[in-house]
């Protein structure tokens, strides 16, 4: 997905995306003690991607009134928090594509990491990306409480309380008739937990008040649901060229999806309602929440 131009694209998000891309390029090793591993990590992260999760971190910082670069030291810490979100997300994609899980051969319009390199390298590259993300969140001398809180949020989002448990439930639900409650539980953990953590972590790094963190958490939860519903719709309607990955995987894997429960039109209505609930959650931020509004509407409109 590319955030739509003409009306929805904003200078803030364009600048934020460019800064994230440049920082990721600088952070990822070009060689190191294991050059093939470094090459695989760069292949996975820098070869495309929507950058929605780091943009959510930075947009949440903006909503709380803290620009992403008020001074050089604080600016790097905030930007590294956003980059950590992208590294965690990419790790999850690398592992999700493995033969033992979704067994996919296409990601971001290119061969998946285990196809391009090999399965062992893909596993280890994913592990390295996750550990680099945690290193970014933990290092530095300033604002240790904020960094620890963000680290805790991301750890929970991708661990036992979030993504990994969601992945297990998703595997267990294949070729079964999952109901709406189970489907919501799976995707609240597998997809929504990290999206919500990105929003809340941005608020934490900005020094937001508890009420502001609650609004960001609520926004992230509703946006995560909308994102997954749209993803399920695109798996039915999208092409490999649009998606950058193989369409029709859910049906071939025997997965229950939102369209299989509600139909395509019903799913579109639910996604639109979730986006409106997300926007209502951050409406008290006023004009500072415009980047979050832009991202939410782009999620609803995306074709890839």
C-alpha atoms as a PDB file:
ATOM      1  CA  UNK A   1       0.000   0.000   0.000  1.00  0.00           C
ATOM      2  CA  UNK A   2       1.091   3.512  -0.761  1.00  0.00           C
ATOM      3  CA  UNK A   3      -0.615   6.306   1.103  1.00  0.00           C
ATOM      4  CA  UNK A   4      -2.797   8.008  -1.477  1.00  0.00           C
ATOM      5  CA  UNK A   5      -1.581  11.275  -2.940  1.00  0.00           C
ATOM      6  CA  UNK A   6      -3.913  14.136  -3.819  1.00  0.00           C
ATOM      7  CA  UNK A   7      -5.577  15.099  -0.596  1.00  0.00           C
ATOM      8  CA  UNK A   8      -4.593  12.314   1.751  1.00  0.00           C
ATOM      9  CA  UNK A   9      -0.815  12.364   1.454  1.00  0.00           C
ATOM     10  CA  UNK A  10       0.782  14.842   3.828  1.00  0.00           C
ATOM     11  CA  UNK A  11       4.130  16.535   4.110  1.00  0.00           C
ATOM     12  CA  UNK A  12       4.542  15.079   7.596  1.00  0.00           C
ATOM     13  CA  UNK A  13       4.069  11.480   6.464  1.00  0.00           C
ATOM     14  CA  UNK A  14       6.255  11.921   3.389  1.00  0.00           C
ATOM     15  CA  UNK A  15       9.040  13.342   5.534  1.00  0.00           C
ATOM     16  CA  UNK A  16       8.542  10.669   8.191  1.00  0.00           C
ATOM     17  CA  UNK A  17       8.668   7.832   5.663  1.00  0.00           C
ATOM     18  CA  UNK A  18      11.850   9.197   4.096  1.00  0.00           C
ATOM     19  CA  UNK A  19      13.519   9.530   7.491  1.00  0.00           C
ATOM     20  CA  UNK A  20      12.527   5.985   8.464  1.00  0.00           C
ATOM     21  CA  UNK A  21      13.877   4.581   5.203  1.00  0.00           C
ATOM     22  CA  UNK A  22      17.189   6.422   5.552  1.00  0.00           C
ATOM     23  CA  UNK A  23      17.593   5.392   9.178  1.00  0.00           C
ATOM     24  CA  UNK A  24      16.832   1.733   8.431  1.00  0.00           C
ATOM     25  CA  UNK A  25      19.458   1.799   5.701  1.00  0.00           C
ATOM     26  CA  UNK A  26      21.980   3.209   8.181  1.00  0.00           C
ATOM     27  CA  UNK A  27      21.081   0.779  10.959  1.00  0.00           C
ATOM     28  CA  UNK A  28      21.231  -2.456   8.978  1.00  0.00           C
ATOM     29  CA  UNK A  29      24.767  -3.840   8.644  1.00  0.00           C
ATOM     30  CA  UNK A  30      26.346  -4.045   5.208  1.00  0.00           C
ATOM     31  CA  UNK A  31      28.626  -6.928   6.178  1.00  0.00           C
ATOM     32  CA  UNK A  32      29.581  -7.679   9.801  1.00  0.00           C
ATOM     33  CA  UNK A  33      30.762 -11.034  11.156  1.00  0.00           C
ATOM     34  CA  UNK A  34      28.276 -12.952   8.951  1.00  0.00           C
ATOM     35  CA  UNK A  35      27.995 -11.120   5.586  1.00  0.00           C
ATOM     36  CA  UNK A  36      25.329 -13.452   4.169  1.00  0.00           C
ATOM     37  CA  UNK A  37      23.140 -12.824   7.214  1.00  0.00           C
ATOM     38  CA  UNK A  38      23.603  -9.059   6.830  1.00  0.00           C
ATOM     39  CA  UNK A  39      22.651  -9.316   3.157  1.00  0.00           C
ATOM     40  CA  UNK A  40      19.512 -11.267   4.044  1.00  0.00           C
ATOM     41  CA  UNK A  41      18.468  -8.732   6.674  1.00  0.00           C
ATOM     42  CA  UNK A  42      18.850  -5.849   4.231  1.00  0.00           C
ATOM     43  CA  UNK A  43      16.968  -7.789   1.547  1.00  0.00           C
ATOM     44  CA  UNK A  44      14.043  -8.380   3.899  1.00  0.00           C
ATOM     45  CA  UNK A  45      13.751  -4.832   5.244  1.00  0.00           C
ATOM     46  CA  UNK A  46      14.827  -2.513   2.446  1.00  0.00           C
ATOM     47  CA  UNK A  47      13.150  -4.220  -0.511  1.00  0.00           C
ATOM     48  CA  UNK A  48       9.829  -2.412  -0.329  1.00  0.00           C
ATOM     49  CA  UNK A  49       7.141  -2.294   2.317  1.00  0.00           C
ATOM     50  CA  UNK A  50       4.390   0.073   3.347  1.00  0.00           C
ATOM     51  CA  UNK A  51       6.107   1.376   6.518  1.00  0.00           C
ATOM     52  CA  UNK A  52       2.691   1.738   8.140  1.00  0.00           C
ATOM     53  CA  UNK A  53       3.869   0.671  11.593  1.00  0.00           C
ATOM     54  CA  UNK A  54       6.754   3.133  11.940  1.00  0.00           C
ATOM     55  CA  UNK A  55       4.508   5.849  10.511  1.00  0.00           C
ATOM     56  CA  UNK A  56       1.981   5.032  13.236  1.00  0.00           C
ATOM     57  CA  UNK A  57       4.675   5.483  15.868  1.00  0.00           C
ATOM     58  CA  UNK A  58       5.680   8.880  14.485  1.00  0.00           C
ATOM     59  CA  UNK A  59       2.093   9.992  13.833  1.00  0.00           C
ATOM     60  CA  UNK A  60       1.205   9.111  17.425  1.00  0.00           C
ATOM     61  CA  UNK A  61       4.166  11.167  18.648  1.00  0.00           C
ATOM     62  CA  UNK A  62       2.867  14.036  16.516  1.00  0.00           C
ATOM     63  CA  UNK A  63      -0.656  13.647  17.922  1.00  0.00           C
ATOM     64  CA  UNK A  64       0.708  14.065  21.429  1.00  0.00           C
ATOM     65  CA  UNK A  65       2.352  17.334  20.479  1.00  0.00           C
ATOM     66  CA  UNK A  66       5.951  16.099  20.329  1.00  0.00           C
ATOM     67  CA  UNK A  67       7.523  16.454  16.875  1.00  0.00           C
ATOM     68  CA  UNK A  68       9.794  13.578  15.859  1.00  0.00           C
ATOM     69  CA  UNK A  69      12.996  15.655  15.977  1.00  0.00           C
ATOM     70  CA  UNK A  70      12.864  18.384  18.652  1.00  0.00           C
ATOM     71  CA  UNK A  71      16.613  17.985  19.219  1.00  0.00           C
ATOM     72  CA  UNK A  72      19.280  15.629  17.796  1.00  0.00           C
ATOM     73  CA  UNK A  73      19.436  13.209  20.739  1.00  0.00           C
ATOM     74  CA  UNK A  74      15.684  12.959  21.322  1.00  0.00           C
ATOM     75  CA  UNK A  75      15.041  12.876  17.590  1.00  0.00           C
ATOM     76  CA  UNK A  76      17.226   9.830  17.075  1.00  0.00           C
ATOM     77  CA  UNK A  77      15.590   8.016  19.998  1.00  0.00           C
ATOM     78  CA  UNK A  78      12.102   8.640  18.621  1.00  0.00           C
ATOM     79  CA  UNK A  79      13.095   7.677  15.096  1.00  0.00           C
ATOM     80  CA  UNK A  80      14.771   4.503  16.350  1.00  0.00           C
ATOM     81  CA  UNK A  81      11.548   3.601  18.155  1.00  0.00           C
ATOM     82  CA  UNK A  82       9.730   3.844  14.830  1.00  0.00           C
ATOM     83  CA  UNK A  83      12.414   1.814  13.045  1.00  0.00           C
ATOM     84  CA  UNK A  84      12.183  -0.849  15.748  1.00  0.00           C
ATOM     85  CA  UNK A  85       8.515  -1.270  14.851  1.00  0.00           C
ATOM     86  CA  UNK A  86       9.419  -1.914  11.206  1.00  0.00           C
ATOM     87  CA  UNK A  87      12.150  -4.399  12.133  1.00  0.00           C
ATOM     88  CA  UNK A  88       9.712  -6.306  14.339  1.00  0.00           C
ATOM     89  CA  UNK A  89       7.089  -6.313  11.592  1.00  0.00           C
ATOM     90  CA  UNK A  90       9.575  -7.546   8.988  1.00  0.00           C
ATOM     91  CA  UNK A  91      10.768 -10.297  11.328  1.00  0.00           C
ATOM     92  CA  UNK A  92       7.163 -11.449  11.623  1.00  0.00           C
ATOM     93  CA  UNK A  93       6.726 -11.513   7.834  1.00  0.00           C
ATOM     94  CA  UNK A  94       9.938 -13.492   7.307  1.00  0.00           C
ATOM     95  CA  UNK A  95       8.857 -16.138   9.807  1.00  0.00           C
ATOM     96  CA  UNK A  96       5.222 -16.112   8.663  1.00  0.00           C
ATOM     97  CA  UNK A  97       6.338 -16.959   5.110  1.00  0.00           C
ATOM     98  CA  UNK A  98       8.349 -20.028   6.188  1.00  0.00           C
ATOM     99  CA  UNK A  99       7.304 -23.492   4.960  1.00  0.00           C
ATOM    100  CA  UNK A 100       6.264 -24.508   8.488  1.00  0.00           C
ATOM    101  CA  UNK A 101       3.787 -21.629   8.662  1.00  0.00           C
ATOM    102  CA  UNK A 102       2.206 -20.009   5.572  1.00  0.00           C
ATOM    103  CA  UNK A 103       4.746 -21.455   3.107  1.00  0.00           C
ATOM    104  CA  UNK A 104       4.635 -18.428   0.803  1.00  0.00           C
ATOM    105  CA  UNK A 105       7.022 -17.717  -2.040  1.00  0.00           C
ATOM    106  CA  UNK A 106       6.239 -14.044  -2.742  1.00  0.00           C
ATOM    107  CA  UNK A 107       6.542 -11.041  -0.435  1.00  0.00           C
ATOM    108  CA  UNK A 108       6.697  -7.355  -1.340  1.00  0.00           C
ATOM    109  CA  UNK A 109       6.745  -8.349  -5.005  1.00  0.00           C
ATOM    110  CA  UNK A 110       9.904 -10.440  -4.663  1.00  0.00           C
ATOM    111  CA  UNK A 111      10.827 -13.994  -3.653  1.00  0.00           C
ATOM    112  CA  UNK A 112      10.408 -14.525   0.079  1.00  0.00           C
ATOM    113  CA  UNK A 113      13.573 -14.650   2.142  1.00  0.00           C
ATOM    114  CA  UNK A 114      13.739 -18.436   2.480  1.00  0.00           C
ATOM    115  CA  UNK A 115      13.316 -18.754  -1.297  1.00  0.00           C
ATOM    116  CA  UNK A 116      15.926 -16.104  -2.110  1.00  0.00           C
ATOM    117  CA  UNK A 117      18.447 -17.456   0.403  1.00  0.00           C
ATOM    118  CA  UNK A 118      17.492 -20.622   2.317  1.00  0.00           C
ATOM    119  CA  UNK A 119      15.270 -21.598   5.215  1.00  0.00           C
ATOM    120  CA  UNK A 120      17.967 -21.529   7.895  1.00  0.00           C
ATOM    121  CA  UNK A 121      19.158 -18.083   6.833  1.00  0.00           C
ATOM    122  CA  UNK A 122      15.571 -16.797   6.853  1.00  0.00           C
ATOM    123  CA  UNK A 123      14.974 -18.071  10.396  1.00  0.00           C
ATOM    124  CA  UNK A 124      18.207 -16.544  11.678  1.00  0.00           C
ATOM    125  CA  UNK A 125      17.686 -13.260   9.808  1.00  0.00           C
ATOM    126  CA  UNK A 126      14.245 -12.931  11.386  1.00  0.00           C
ATOM    127  CA  UNK A 127      15.741 -13.607  14.819  1.00  0.00           C
ATOM    128  CA  UNK A 128      18.443 -10.998  14.174  1.00  0.00           C
ATOM    129  CA  UNK A 129      15.890  -8.368  13.111  1.00  0.00           C
ATOM    130  CA  UNK A 130      13.842  -8.912  16.267  1.00  0.00           C
ATOM    131  CA  UNK A 131      16.915  -8.639  18.485  1.00  0.00           C
ATOM    132  CA  UNK A 132      18.120  -5.518  16.669  1.00  0.00           C
ATOM    133  CA  UNK A 133      14.715  -3.945  17.291  1.00  0.00           C
ATOM    134  CA  UNK A 134      14.963  -4.607  21.020  1.00  0.00           C
ATOM    135  CA  UNK A 135      18.523  -3.264  21.054  1.00  0.00           C
ATOM    136  CA  UNK A 136      17.309  -0.023  19.465  1.00  0.00           C
ATOM    137  CA  UNK A 137      14.579   0.368  22.047  1.00  0.00           C
ATOM    138  CA  UNK A 138      16.905  -0.340  24.974  1.00  0.00           C
ATOM    139  CA  UNK A 139      20.022   1.642  24.156  1.00  0.00           C
ATOM    140  CA  UNK A 140      20.808   5.207  25.118  1.00  0.00           C
ATOM    141  CA  UNK A 141      20.988   7.191  28.318  1.00  0.00           C
ATOM    142  CA  UNK A 142      17.994   9.532  27.990  1.00  0.00           C
ATOM    143  CA  UNK A 143      14.421   8.788  29.112  1.00  0.00           C
ATOM    144  CA  UNK A 144      15.086   5.228  30.337  1.00  0.00           C
ATOM    145  CA  UNK A 145      11.558   4.840  31.741  1.00  0.00           C
ATOM    146  CA  UNK A 146       9.970   5.731  28.393  1.00  0.00           C
ATOM    147  CA  UNK A 147      12.252   3.357  26.499  1.00  0.00           C
ATOM    148  CA  UNK A 148      11.574   0.535  28.973  1.00  0.00           C
ATOM    149  CA  UNK A 149       7.823   1.083  28.671  1.00  0.00           C
ATOM    150  CA  UNK A 150       8.002   1.007  24.851  1.00  0.00           C
ATOM    151  CA  UNK A 151      10.146  -2.125  24.980  1.00  0.00           C
ATOM    152  CA  UNK A 152       7.581  -3.785  27.237  1.00  0.00           C
ATOM    153  CA  UNK A 153       4.737  -2.829  24.881  1.00  0.00           C
ATOM    154  CA  UNK A 154       6.443  -4.294  21.817  1.00  0.00           C
ATOM    155  CA  UNK A 155       7.581  -7.423  23.668  1.00  0.00           C
ATOM    156  CA  UNK A 156       4.026  -8.168  24.779  1.00  0.00           C
ATOM    157  CA  UNK A 157       2.622  -7.394  21.341  1.00  0.00           C
ATOM    158  CA  UNK A 158       4.777  -9.972  19.553  1.00  0.00           C
ATOM    159  CA  UNK A 159       5.116 -12.570  22.317  1.00  0.00           C
ATOM    160  CA  UNK A 160       2.886 -14.872  24.302  1.00  0.00           C
ATOM    161  CA  UNK A 161       0.299 -12.141  24.847  1.00  0.00           C
ATOM    162  CA  UNK A 162       0.124 -11.182  21.180  1.00  0.00           C
ATOM    163  CA  UNK A 163       1.404 -12.195  17.773  1.00  0.00           C
ATOM    164  CA  UNK A 164       2.876 -15.615  18.538  1.00  0.00           C
ATOM    165  CA  UNK A 165      -0.262 -16.832  20.303  1.00  0.00           C
ATOM    166  CA  UNK A 166      -2.343 -15.422  17.451  1.00  0.00           C
ATOM    167  CA  UNK A 167      -0.231 -17.342  14.950  1.00  0.00           C
ATOM    168  CA  UNK A 168      -0.726 -20.585  16.893  1.00  0.00           C
ATOM    169  CA  UNK A 169      -4.492 -20.059  17.066  1.00  0.00           C
ATOM    170  CA  UNK A 170      -4.520 -19.285  13.336  1.00  0.00           C
ATOM    171  CA  UNK A 171      -2.717 -22.540  12.546  1.00  0.00           C
ATOM    172  CA  UNK A 172      -5.042 -24.519  14.799  1.00  0.00           C
ATOM    173  CA  UNK A 173      -8.099 -22.974  13.131  1.00  0.00           C
ATOM    174  CA  UNK A 174      -7.168 -24.080   9.608  1.00  0.00           C
ATOM    175  CA  UNK A 175      -9.733 -26.370   8.022  1.00  0.00           C
ATOM    176  CA  UNK A 176     -12.166 -25.671  10.871  1.00  0.00           C
ATOM    177  CA  UNK A 177     -15.274 -23.531  10.985  1.00  0.00           C
ATOM    178  CA  UNK A 178     -14.041 -20.691  13.202  1.00  0.00           C
ATOM    179  CA  UNK A 179     -16.771 -18.384  14.461  1.00  0.00           C
ATOM    180  CA  UNK A 180     -16.642 -14.598  14.638  1.00  0.00           C
ATOM    181  CA  UNK A 181     -15.411 -14.546  18.233  1.00  0.00           C
ATOM    182  CA  UNK A 182     -12.462 -16.827  17.459  1.00  0.00           C
ATOM    183  CA  UNK A 183     -11.600 -14.925  14.285  1.00  0.00           C
ATOM    184  CA  UNK A 184     -11.568 -11.639  16.197  1.00  0.00           C
ATOM    185  CA  UNK A 185      -9.388 -13.187  18.911  1.00  0.00           C
ATOM    186  CA  UNK A 186      -6.900 -14.524  16.344  1.00  0.00           C
ATOM    187  CA  UNK A 187      -6.483 -11.235  14.550  1.00  0.00           C
ATOM    188  CA  UNK A 188      -6.549  -9.082  17.670  1.00  0.00           C
ATOM    189  CA  UNK A 189      -3.439 -11.033  18.698  1.00  0.00           C
ATOM    190  CA  UNK A 190      -1.812 -11.750  15.345  1.00  0.00           C
ATOM    191  CA  UNK A 191      -2.328  -8.382  13.625  1.00  0.00           C
ATOM    192  CA  UNK A 192      -3.924  -5.889  15.967  1.00  0.00           C
ATOM    193  CA  UNK A 193      -1.560  -6.231  18.931  1.00  0.00           C
ATOM    194  CA  UNK A 194       1.467  -4.859  17.083  1.00  0.00           C
ATOM    195  CA  UNK A 195      -0.503  -2.075  15.387  1.00  0.00           C
ATOM    196  CA  UNK A 196      -1.930  -0.999  18.739  1.00  0.00           C
ATOM    197  CA  UNK A 197       1.521  -1.214  20.357  1.00  0.00           C
ATOM    198  CA  UNK A 198       2.956   1.081  17.675  1.00  0.00           C
ATOM    199  CA  UNK A 199       0.384   3.741  18.501  1.00  0.00           C
ATOM    200  CA  UNK A 200       0.746   3.444  22.255  1.00  0.00           C
ATOM    201  CA  UNK A 201       4.551   3.265  22.087  1.00  0.00           C
ATOM    202  CA  UNK A 202       4.584   6.502  20.105  1.00  0.00           C
ATOM    203  CA  UNK A 203       2.609   8.116  22.890  1.00  0.00           C
ATOM    204  CA  UNK A 204       4.920   6.676  25.536  1.00  0.00           C
ATOM    205  CA  UNK A 205       8.033   7.979  23.750  1.00  0.00           C
ATOM    206  CA  UNK A 206       6.382  11.394  23.471  1.00  0.00           C
ATOM    207  CA  UNK A 207       5.684  11.474  27.209  1.00  0.00           C
ATOM    208  CA  UNK A 208       1.901  11.349  26.749  1.00  0.00           C
ATOM    209  CA  UNK A 209      -0.553  11.391  29.640  1.00  0.00           C
ATOM    210  CA  UNK A 210      -2.498   8.206  30.534  1.00  0.00           C
ATOM    211  CA  UNK A 211      -5.682   9.485  28.890  1.00  0.00           C
ATOM    212  CA  UNK A 212      -3.832  10.157  25.650  1.00  0.00           C
ATOM    213  CA  UNK A 213      -2.291   6.681  25.732  1.00  0.00           C
ATOM    214  CA  UNK A 214      -5.756   5.214  26.166  1.00  0.00           C
ATOM    215  CA  UNK A 215      -7.027   7.051  23.092  1.00  0.00           C
ATOM    216  CA  UNK A 216      -4.049   5.857  21.034  1.00  0.00           C
ATOM    217  CA  UNK A 217      -4.550   2.287  22.244  1.00  0.00           C
ATOM    218  CA  UNK A 218      -8.227   2.409  21.260  1.00  0.00           C
ATOM    219  CA  UNK A 219      -7.385   3.895  17.857  1.00  0.00           C
ATOM    220  CA  UNK A 220      -4.833   1.126  17.268  1.00  0.00           C
ATOM    221  CA  UNK A 221      -7.271  -1.615  18.200  1.00  0.00           C
ATOM    222  CA  UNK A 222      -9.927  -0.395  15.773  1.00  0.00           C
ATOM    223  CA  UNK A 223      -7.356   0.235  13.043  1.00  0.00           C
ATOM    224  CA  UNK A 224      -5.894  -3.244  13.488  1.00  0.00           C
ATOM    225  CA  UNK A 225      -9.302  -4.797  12.909  1.00  0.00           C
ATOM    226  CA  UNK A 226      -9.907  -2.662   9.812  1.00  0.00           C
ATOM    227  CA  UNK A 227      -6.451  -3.545   8.474  1.00  0.00           C
ATOM    228  CA  UNK A 228      -7.116  -7.283   8.801  1.00  0.00           C
ATOM    229  CA  UNK A 229     -10.591  -7.100   7.274  1.00  0.00           C
ATOM    230  CA  UNK A 230      -9.199  -5.223   4.271  1.00  0.00           C
ATOM    231  CA  UNK A 231      -6.351  -7.746   4.057  1.00  0.00           C
ATOM    232  CA  UNK A 232      -8.891 -10.582   3.915  1.00  0.00           C
ATOM    233  CA  UNK A 233     -10.863  -8.765   1.207  1.00  0.00           C
ATOM    234  CA  UNK A 234      -7.722  -8.227  -0.873  1.00  0.00           C
ATOM    235  CA  UNK A 235      -6.790 -11.889  -0.558  1.00  0.00           C
ATOM    236  CA  UNK A 236     -10.047 -12.576  -2.440  1.00  0.00           C
ATOM    237  CA  UNK A 237     -10.023  -9.676  -4.907  1.00  0.00           C
ATOM    238  CA  UNK A 238      -6.409  -8.601  -5.298  1.00  0.00           C
ATOM    239  CA  UNK A 239      -3.749  -9.692  -7.763  1.00  0.00           C
ATOM    240  CA  UNK A 240      -0.180 -10.719  -7.009  1.00  0.00           C
ATOM    241  CA  UNK A 241       1.010  -7.546  -8.738  1.00  0.00           C
ATOM    242  CA  UNK A 242      -1.153  -5.330  -6.526  1.00  0.00           C
ATOM    243  CA  UNK A 243      -0.500  -7.200  -3.305  1.00  0.00           C
ATOM    244  CA  UNK A 244       3.166  -8.083  -3.731  1.00  0.00           C
ATOM    245  CA  UNK A 245       2.277 -11.504  -2.329  1.00  0.00           C
ATOM    246  CA  UNK A 246       0.273 -14.543  -3.384  1.00  0.00           C
ATOM    247  CA  UNK A 247      -3.514 -13.953  -3.385  1.00  0.00           C
ATOM    248  CA  UNK A 248      -6.005 -16.685  -2.533  1.00  0.00           C
ATOM    249  CA  UNK A 249      -3.792 -18.164   0.192  1.00  0.00           C
ATOM    250  CA  UNK A 250      -6.541 -18.094   2.822  1.00  0.00           C
ATOM    251  CA  UNK A 251      -8.947 -20.196   0.772  1.00  0.00           C
ATOM    252  CA  UNK A 252      -6.244 -22.684  -0.187  1.00  0.00           C
ATOM    253  CA  UNK A 253      -5.241 -23.008   3.460  1.00  0.00           C
ATOM    254  CA  UNK A 254      -8.809 -23.585   4.584  1.00  0.00           C
ATOM    255  CA  UNK A 255      -8.863 -20.483   6.780  1.00  0.00           C
ATOM    256  CA  UNK A 256     -12.001 -18.801   7.989  1.00  0.00           C
ATOM    257  CA  UNK A 257     -11.842 -15.120   7.013  1.00  0.00           C
ATOM    258  CA  UNK A 258     -14.029 -12.090   7.515  1.00  0.00           C
ATOM    259  CA  UNK A 259     -15.411 -12.301   3.940  1.00  0.00           C
ATOM    260  CA  UNK A 260     -16.239 -15.970   4.457  1.00  0.00           C
ATOM    261  CA  UNK A 261     -18.286 -14.982   7.522  1.00  0.00           C
ATOM    262  CA  UNK A 262     -19.785 -11.661   6.428  1.00  0.00           C
ATOM    263  CA  UNK A 263     -19.387 -11.584   2.628  1.00  0.00           C
ATOM    264  CA  UNK A 264     -17.386  -8.955   0.769  1.00  0.00           C
ATOM    265  CA  UNK A 265     -19.864  -6.109   1.125  1.00  0.00           C
ATOM    266  CA  UNK A 266     -20.502  -6.876   4.777  1.00  0.00           C
ATOM    267  CA  UNK A 267     -16.754  -6.933   5.364  1.00  0.00           C
ATOM    268  CA  UNK A 268     -16.328  -3.557   3.655  1.00  0.00           C
ATOM    269  CA  UNK A 269     -19.001  -2.074   5.908  1.00  0.00           C
ATOM    270  CA  UNK A 270     -17.326  -3.506   9.020  1.00  0.00           C
ATOM    271  CA  UNK A 271     -13.919  -2.170   7.947  1.00  0.00           C
ATOM    272  CA  UNK A 272     -15.358   1.303   7.316  1.00  0.00           C
ATOM    273  CA  UNK A 273     -17.090   1.266  10.708  1.00  0.00           C
ATOM    274  CA  UNK A 274     -13.834   0.266  12.430  1.00  0.00           C
ATOM    275  CA  UNK A 275     -11.983   3.145  10.777  1.00  0.00           C
ATOM    276  CA  UNK A 276     -14.643   5.607  11.918  1.00  0.00           C
ATOM    277  CA  UNK A 277     -14.329   4.268  15.476  1.00  0.00           C
ATOM    278  CA  UNK A 278     -10.551   4.680  15.258  1.00  0.00           C
ATOM    279  CA  UNK A 279     -10.941   8.276  14.127  1.00  0.00           C
ATOM    280  CA  UNK A 280     -13.435   9.013  16.897  1.00  0.00           C
ATOM    281  CA  UNK A 281     -10.907   7.753  19.449  1.00  0.00           C
ATOM    282  CA  UNK A 282      -8.271  10.318  18.415  1.00  0.00           C
ATOM    283  CA  UNK A 283     -10.642  13.186  17.581  1.00  0.00           C
ATOM    284  CA  UNK A 284      -9.816  14.936  20.915  1.00  0.00           C
ATOM    285  CA  UNK A 285      -6.248  15.466  19.646  1.00  0.00           C
ATOM    286  CA  UNK A 286      -7.661  17.847  17.035  1.00  0.00           C
ATOM    287  CA  UNK A 287      -5.502  18.875  14.096  1.00  0.00           C
ATOM    288  CA  UNK A 288      -2.475  17.065  15.581  1.00  0.00           C
ATOM    289  CA  UNK A 289      -4.188  13.759  14.744  1.00  0.00           C
ATOM    290  CA  UNK A 290      -4.376  14.435  11.004  1.00  0.00           C
ATOM    291  CA  UNK A 291      -1.501  12.046  10.181  1.00  0.00           C
ATOM    292  CA  UNK A 292      -3.331   9.312  12.100  1.00  0.00           C
ATOM    293  CA  UNK A 293      -6.502  10.119  10.144  1.00  0.00           C
ATOM    294  CA  UNK A 294      -4.557   9.958   6.877  1.00  0.00           C
ATOM    295  CA  UNK A 295      -3.163   6.525   7.736  1.00  0.00           C
ATOM    296  CA  UNK A 296      -6.557   5.169   8.794  1.00  0.00           C
ATOM    297  CA  UNK A 297      -8.277   6.291   5.601  1.00  0.00           C
ATOM    298  CA  UNK A 298      -5.402   4.951   3.522  1.00  0.00           C
ATOM    299  CA  UNK A 299      -5.736   1.547   5.198  1.00  0.00           C
ATOM    300  CA  UNK A 300      -9.389   1.477   4.187  1.00  0.00           C
ATOM    301  CA  UNK A 301      -8.625   2.500   0.589  1.00  0.00           C
ATOM    302  CA  UNK A 302      -5.581   0.306  -0.003  1.00  0.00           C
ATOM    303  CA  UNK A 303      -5.289  -2.082  -2.917  1.00  0.00           C
ATOM    304  CA  UNK A 304      -2.060  -3.772  -1.888  1.00  0.00           C
END
